[in-house]
Amino acid sequence: MRFREGPLGDLKVPLTWTAAVALIVAAVIGVAFLLADRRETLQEQAYGVTRQTVDTVARPVSGAIAAPGRWTGLGLDYVRSYFFTASENRRLKTELAEMRQWRDRALALQDQNDRFKSLLGLRTDPPIPMASARVVSDSRGPFANTRLADAGSERGIVVGNPVLNERGLVGRVVGVSRGVSRVLLLTDIASRTPVMIDRTNARAILTGDGGPNPKLEYLRGVDPIQQGDRVVTSGDGGVVPRGLPVGAAVKGLDGRWRVVLFADQSSIDYVRILLFKDFAQLADEQQLQAKALPPVTTEDPKTSILSAPVAAPQPSAPKPPAPKPPASAAQPQAGAPR
């Protein structure tokens, strides 16, 4: 059977025409490339008309030739992403869990850094030396509320030193040994701290009763306190220095005035211990002692601005020796009656 009589005989003419058109297009492109490679003379324009025509024709042709490859790549990427979505999802979930851990750690470190800055920024007026410590144990109960700090006598800490965190007064030191100190909190039933109302200077005693809010006792004055008044240490008795922040005054359910402690607004784990002994430590003893100023001489060196003029001493004549008593008067004669 001949080719024309077969089922593909009708395709012979279209294929012939297609081949002829492709050959013509290839020839045109070849001629265009040959003409485009022609060197231009220095007298003519460097970018000639021929190259402009070739570039104008090559732009859509190049885009049409590259389109199938570009579409194929996009299709492969889509198929790959479709089939590998599950594994990519698992990988992203694992990465998200790791990032959450780093985020939590970063937030914790930032909070700790802020607290360290607040502790290091504590200042007293006049300045008092301080020792930093970390609370290593917590002792709580109905009748005891103390903490154990990892700084002791080797740091100069003694019994009675006030203890603060970054917000306010925590308590005072009641026991010291080498490397450790026991801190009695303001909420302990044995705690007694002289305080005053910052607005009215009314004095009171902050008394712990085992609860979170110690009570104010022995308030003096007419209408000395109001809701929300700031309570600070008074310095009475020389136990703690004056002006340390303690808390805010509130009215309890029992009708008594109590204090919401500033120190309870954050965890008590890092503290600063004031190396405070008494008020004599704050005063400069050298300034309290009277100093004798040196005399300032004037034109007359015999006078001074600190004393009245004093006349120069005159030399005195030597006194004659006292006459000796006669011997008869000094000793009785022999045989004379006594």
Protein backbone atom coordinates (compact mmCIF):
# COMPACT_ATOMS: atom_id res chain seq x y z
CA MET A 1 0.00 0.00 0.00
CA ARG A 2 1.37 3.37 -0.97
CA PHE A 3 1.75 6.24 1.46
CA ARG A 4 -1.02 8.37 -0.09
CA GLU A 5 -3.45 5.48 0.22
CA GLY A 6 -2.71 5.03 3.90
CA PRO A 7 -4.44 6.82 6.81
CA LEU A 8 -1.60 9.40 7.02
CA GLY A 9 -1.66 10.28 3.33
CA ASP A 10 -3.61 13.48 3.90
CA LEU A 11 -0.88 14.85 6.18
CA LYS A 12 1.83 14.86 3.50
CA VAL A 13 0.98 18.28 2.02
CA PRO A 14 0.65 20.10 5.40
CA LEU A 15 3.93 18.65 6.58
CA THR A 16 5.62 19.76 3.38
CA TRP A 17 4.36 23.30 3.78
CA THR A 18 5.34 23.35 7.48
CA ALA A 19 8.86 22.18 6.69
CA ALA A 20 9.17 24.82 3.97
CA VAL A 21 8.00 27.61 6.32
CA ALA A 22 10.41 26.45 9.04
CA LEU A 23 13.27 26.41 6.52
CA ILE A 24 12.45 29.95 5.39
CA VAL A 25 12.25 31.22 8.98
CA ALA A 26 15.59 29.61 9.79
CA ALA A 27 17.15 31.17 6.72
CA VAL A 28 15.84 34.60 7.64
CA ILE A 29 17.14 34.27 11.19
CA GLY A 30 20.54 33.13 9.89
CA VAL A 31 20.79 36.07 7.51
CA ALA A 32 19.76 38.41 10.30
CA PHE A 33 22.51 37.10 12.58
CA LEU A 34 25.08 37.46 9.79
CA LEU A 35 24.02 41.00 9.13
CA ALA A 36 23.95 41.80 12.83
CA ASP A 37 27.56 40.72 13.22
CA ARG A 38 28.75 43.24 10.60
CA ARG A 39 31.19 45.80 11.94
CA GLU A 40 30.13 49.41 11.67
CA THR A 41 32.63 52.00 10.55
CA LEU A 42 33.71 54.78 12.84
CA GLN A 43 31.99 57.35 10.62
CA GLU A 44 28.58 55.63 10.91
CA GLN A 45 26.35 55.16 13.90
CA ALA A 46 27.59 52.41 16.28
CA TYR A 47 24.10 50.99 16.72
CA GLY A 48 22.91 50.67 13.15
CA VAL A 49 19.48 50.20 11.64
CA THR A 50 20.16 46.51 10.90
CA ARG A 51 20.89 45.67 14.54
CA GLN A 52 17.86 47.62 15.67
CA THR A 53 15.63 45.61 13.36
CA VAL A 54 17.13 42.32 14.46
CA ASP A 55 16.75 43.19 18.16
CA THR A 56 13.15 44.24 17.59
CA VAL A 57 12.32 40.93 15.91
CA ALA A 58 14.39 38.81 18.35
CA ARG A 59 12.64 40.08 21.48
CA PRO A 60 9.23 38.42 20.91
CA VAL A 61 10.80 35.39 19.24
CA SER A 62 13.14 34.79 22.20
CA GLY A 63 10.26 35.22 24.64
CA ALA A 64 8.14 32.72 22.68
CA ILE A 65 10.98 30.20 22.54
CA ALA A 66 11.75 30.53 26.28
CA ALA A 67 8.09 30.40 27.33
CA PRO A 68 7.71 26.58 27.19
CA GLY A 69 10.76 26.06 29.37
CA ARG A 70 9.56 28.67 31.86
CA TRP A 71 6.11 27.13 31.99
CA THR A 72 7.62 23.69 32.45
CA GLY A 73 9.70 24.90 35.42
CA LEU A 74 6.70 26.52 37.05
CA GLY A 75 4.69 23.36 36.58
CA LEU A 76 7.43 21.23 38.13
CA ASP A 77 7.68 23.58 41.11
CA TYR A 78 3.93 23.39 41.61
CA VAL A 79 3.92 19.59 41.45
CA ARG A 80 6.92 19.37 43.77
CA SER A 81 5.33 21.72 46.32
CA TYR A 82 2.08 19.76 46.12
CA PHE A 83 3.67 16.38 46.79
CA PHE A 84 6.13 17.67 49.43
CA THR A 85 3.66 19.82 51.41
CA ALA A 86 3.42 17.31 54.28
CA SER A 87 7.19 17.14 54.83
CA GLU A 88 7.48 20.92 54.56
CA ASN A 89 4.71 21.31 57.11
CA ARG A 90 6.48 19.01 59.55
CA ARG A 91 9.73 20.89 59.10
CA LEU A 92 8.05 24.25 59.73
CA LYS A 93 6.33 22.93 62.85
CA THR A 94 9.66 21.71 64.26
CA GLU A 95 11.30 25.04 63.48
CA LEU A 96 8.41 26.92 65.10
CA ALA A 97 8.72 24.86 68.30
CA GLU A 98 12.45 25.63 68.48
CA MET A 99 11.84 29.32 67.90
CA ARG A 100 9.26 29.40 70.69
CA GLN A 101 11.82 27.97 73.09
CA TRP A 102 14.33 30.63 72.10
CA ARG A 103 11.65 33.30 72.43
CA ASP A 104 10.77 32.18 75.98
CA ARG A 105 14.43 32.09 76.92
CA ALA A 106 15.02 35.55 75.47
CA LEU A 107 12.05 36.98 77.39
CA ALA A 108 13.29 35.41 80.64
CA LEU A 109 16.78 36.81 80.12
CA GLN A 110 15.37 40.24 79.30
CA ASP A 111 13.28 40.23 82.49
CA GLN A 112 16.29 39.13 84.53
CA ASN A 113 18.46 41.79 82.94
CA ASP A 114 15.90 44.48 83.73
CA ARG A 115 15.76 43.38 87.35
CA PHE A 116 19.55 43.41 87.61
CA LYS A 117 19.61 46.94 86.23
CA SER A 118 16.99 48.02 88.78
CA LEU A 119 18.95 46.45 91.63
CA LEU A 120 22.19 48.05 90.54
CA GLY A 121 20.39 51.37 90.18
CA LEU A 122 19.30 51.48 93.84
CA ARG A 123 20.62 54.63 95.48
CA THR A 124 20.23 56.06 98.95
CA ASP A 125 20.72 59.62 100.14
CA PRO A 126 23.23 59.82 101.70
CA PRO A 127 24.95 56.88 99.93
CA ILE A 128 25.15 53.63 101.90
CA PRO A 129 27.34 50.67 100.87
CA MET A 130 25.37 47.66 99.60
CA ALA A 131 25.99 43.95 99.03
CA SER A 132 24.15 41.94 96.39
CA ALA A 133 22.83 38.47 97.21
CA ARG A 134 20.58 35.75 95.83
CA VAL A 135 17.87 34.07 97.88
CA VAL A 136 18.63 30.33 98.00
CA SER A 137 15.82 29.04 100.25
CA ASP A 138 12.37 30.01 101.45
CA SER A 139 11.00 29.23 104.89
CA ARG A 140 7.26 29.82 105.22
CA GLY A 141 4.79 28.93 107.91
CA PRO A 142 2.03 30.32 110.12
CA PHE A 143 4.56 31.83 112.54
CA ALA A 144 7.73 32.23 110.46
CA ASN A 145 8.49 33.92 107.17
CA THR A 146 12.22 34.12 106.46
CA ARG A 147 14.59 33.78 103.53
CA LEU A 148 18.18 32.60 103.25
CA ALA A 149 20.60 34.73 101.19
CA ASP A 150 23.99 33.61 99.88
CA ALA A 151 26.02 36.47 101.40
CA GLY A 152 27.33 36.63 104.94
CA SER A 153 29.89 38.07 107.29
CA GLU A 154 32.65 37.92 104.67
CA ARG A 155 30.78 40.71 102.81
CA GLY A 156 30.50 42.91 105.90
CA ILE A 157 26.86 41.99 106.66
CA VAL A 158 25.76 42.20 110.29
CA VAL A 159 22.52 41.57 112.16
CA GLY A 160 20.01 44.37 111.60
CA ASN A 161 21.02 45.32 108.05
CA PRO A 162 17.99 46.27 105.89
CA VAL A 163 17.26 44.13 102.82
CA LEU A 164 15.65 45.47 99.63
CA ASN A 165 14.72 44.20 96.21
CA GLU A 166 14.33 46.39 93.13
CA ARG A 167 10.93 47.72 94.33
CA GLY A 168 11.20 48.27 98.06
CA LEU A 169 12.03 47.07 101.55
CA VAL A 170 11.90 43.30 102.07
CA GLY A 171 12.98 42.91 105.68
CA ARG A 172 16.11 42.86 107.80
CA VAL A 173 18.94 40.48 108.62
CA VAL A 174 18.44 38.50 111.84
CA GLY A 175 21.25 35.98 111.53
CA VAL A 176 24.67 35.97 109.89
CA SER A 177 27.35 33.39 109.32
CA ARG A 178 30.07 33.00 106.75
CA GLY A 179 28.52 32.78 103.30
CA VAL A 180 24.86 33.01 104.36
CA SER A 181 22.40 35.41 106.00
CA ARG A 182 18.88 34.87 107.30
CA VAL A 183 16.40 37.58 106.34
CA LEU A 184 13.27 38.24 108.40
CA LEU A 185 10.51 39.49 106.09
CA LEU A 186 8.18 42.35 106.96
CA THR A 187 5.26 39.90 107.00
CA ASP A 188 6.76 37.77 109.78
CA ILE A 189 4.92 37.84 113.11
CA ALA A 190 8.13 38.96 114.85
CA SER A 191 8.79 41.88 112.51
CA ARG A 192 8.47 45.44 113.84
CA THR A 193 9.55 48.33 111.63
CA PRO A 194 9.17 52.09 112.33
CA VAL A 195 7.54 53.76 109.34
CA MET A 196 5.87 57.04 108.46
CA ILE A 197 3.24 58.28 106.03
CA ASP A 198 5.05 60.15 103.30
CA ARG A 199 2.23 62.70 102.84
CA THR A 200 1.75 63.72 106.49
CA ASN A 201 4.94 62.47 108.20
CA ALA A 202 2.72 60.63 110.68
CA ARG A 203 4.64 57.91 112.53
CA ALA A 204 3.54 54.30 112.96
CA ILE A 205 4.88 50.81 113.57
CA LEU A 206 4.58 48.27 110.75
CA THR A 207 3.73 44.98 112.43
CA GLY A 208 3.73 41.63 110.67
CA ASP A 209 0.99 39.12 111.46
CA GLY A 210 1.81 36.29 109.07
CA GLY A 211 -0.44 37.60 106.30
CA PRO A 212 0.55 39.24 103.04
CA ASN A 213 -0.28 42.76 104.24
CA PRO A 214 1.25 43.83 107.58
CA LYS A 215 -0.75 46.24 109.72
CA LEU A 216 -0.03 49.77 110.92
CA GLU A 217 -0.14 50.29 114.68
CA TYR A 218 0.26 53.29 116.98
CA LEU A 219 -0.71 55.84 114.33
CA ARG A 220 -0.38 59.35 115.70
CA GLY A 221 -1.95 62.58 114.57
CA VAL A 222 -5.34 63.86 113.42
CA ASP A 223 -6.47 62.13 110.23
CA PRO A 224 -2.89 60.96 109.57
CA ILE A 225 -3.57 58.53 106.73
CA GLN A 226 -5.70 58.06 103.63
CA GLN A 227 -6.27 55.28 101.16
CA GLY A 228 -3.27 54.86 98.87
CA ASP A 229 -0.81 56.93 100.91
CA ARG A 230 2.80 55.99 100.34
CA VAL A 231 4.52 54.44 103.36
CA VAL A 232 8.29 54.75 103.87
CA THR A 233 10.70 54.01 106.68
CA SER A 234 10.96 56.75 109.31
CA GLY A 235 14.45 55.99 110.61
CA ASP A 236 13.25 56.19 114.22
CA GLY A 237 15.37 54.19 116.61
CA GLY A 238 18.27 53.92 114.15
CA VAL A 239 17.15 50.49 112.92
CA VAL A 240 16.90 51.37 109.24
CA PRO A 241 17.67 54.59 107.35
CA ARG A 242 14.89 57.00 106.58
CA GLY A 243 13.02 57.13 103.28
CA LEU A 244 13.19 53.52 102.07
CA PRO A 245 9.98 52.64 100.13
CA VAL A 246 7.73 50.14 101.93
CA GLY A 247 4.27 50.11 100.33
CA ALA A 248 0.85 51.74 99.99
CA ALA A 249 -1.76 52.11 102.74
CA VAL A 250 -5.09 50.26 102.37
CA LYS A 251 -8.08 49.70 104.65
CA GLY A 252 -8.40 46.05 105.63
CA LEU A 253 -11.61 44.07 105.97
CA ASP A 254 -11.20 44.25 109.74
CA GLY A 255 -11.21 48.06 109.61
CA ARG A 256 -7.51 48.38 110.39
CA TRP A 257 -4.98 50.14 108.22
CA ARG A 258 -2.61 47.81 106.41
CA VAL A 259 0.18 48.12 103.84
CA VAL A 260 0.40 46.51 100.42
CA LEU A 261 4.15 45.93 100.15
CA PHE A 262 5.97 47.15 97.06
CA ALA A 263 8.42 44.24 97.37
CA ASP A 264 5.63 41.69 96.82
CA GLN A 265 4.98 43.02 93.30
CA SER A 266 7.93 40.95 92.04
CA SER A 267 9.62 37.73 93.12
CA ILE A 268 12.11 38.03 95.97
CA ASP A 269 15.08 36.12 94.57
CA TYR A 270 17.74 38.80 94.07
CA VAL A 271 18.21 41.35 96.86
CA ARG A 272 20.51 44.14 98.00
CA ILE A 273 21.62 44.28 101.63
CA LEU A 274 22.39 47.74 103.01
CA LEU A 275 25.53 47.70 105.15
CA PHE A 276 23.90 50.10 107.59
CA LYS A 277 24.90 50.16 111.27
CA ASP A 278 23.65 53.44 112.73
CA PHE A 279 23.28 57.08 111.85
CA ALA A 280 26.81 57.83 112.97
CA GLN A 281 27.87 55.95 109.84
CA LEU A 282 26.05 58.51 107.69
CA ALA A 283 27.58 61.54 109.36
CA ASP A 284 31.10 62.66 108.64
CA GLU A 285 32.70 62.67 112.03
CA GLN A 286 35.48 64.91 110.83
CA GLN A 287 32.97 67.59 109.94
CA LEU A 288 31.28 67.31 113.32
CA GLN A 289 34.49 67.93 115.21
CA ALA A 290 35.43 71.56 115.82
CA LYS A 291 38.47 72.51 113.86
CA ALA A 292 40.89 75.19 115.13
CA LEU A 293 41.50 77.49 112.22
CA PRO A 294 45.08 78.72 111.85
CA PRO A 295 45.55 82.37 112.70
CA VAL A 296 45.67 84.74 109.76
CA THR A 297 48.45 87.27 110.15
CA THR A 298 47.95 90.94 109.28
CA GLU A 299 50.43 93.72 108.79
CA ASP A 300 51.14 93.56 112.50
CA PRO A 301 52.37 90.04 113.21
CA LYS A 302 51.48 90.55 116.85
CA THR A 303 47.75 90.53 116.13
CA SER A 304 45.37 87.96 114.70
CA ILE A 305 41.78 88.12 113.39
CA LEU A 306 40.85 85.36 115.80
CA SER A 307 42.15 86.96 119.01
CA ALA A 308 42.62 90.40 120.54
CA PRO A 309 45.99 92.10 120.21
CA VAL A 310 48.38 90.92 122.85
CA ALA A 311 51.21 93.15 124.01
CA ALA A 312 54.67 91.79 123.71
CA PRO A 313 55.94 90.48 127.03
CA GLN A 314 58.51 92.74 128.74
CA PRO A 315 61.56 91.19 130.35
CA SER A 316 61.26 91.39 134.13
CA ALA A 317 64.17 92.23 136.46
CA PRO A 318 65.50 89.36 138.52
CA LYS A 319 64.20 89.34 142.05
CA PRO A 320 66.79 89.59 144.86
CA PRO A 321 67.21 86.45 146.91
CA ALA A 322 65.28 86.29 150.18
CA PRO A 323 67.40 87.10 153.28
CA LYS A 324 68.32 84.10 155.33
CA PRO A 325 67.22 84.11 158.96
CA PRO A 326 69.98 84.49 161.54
CA ALA A 327 71.45 81.39 162.95
CA SER A 328 70.33 82.29 166.47
CA ALA A 329 66.76 82.46 165.28
CA ALA A 330 67.03 79.33 163.22
CA GLN A 331 68.40 77.10 166.04
CA PRO A 332 67.94 77.50 169.83
CA GLN A 333 71.03 78.09 171.92
CA ALA A 334 72.40 75.31 173.99
CA GLY A 335 71.18 75.31 177.55
CA ALA A 336 68.33 77.70 176.79
CA PRO A 337 64.97 76.72 178.15
CA ARG A 338 62.67 75.25 175.56
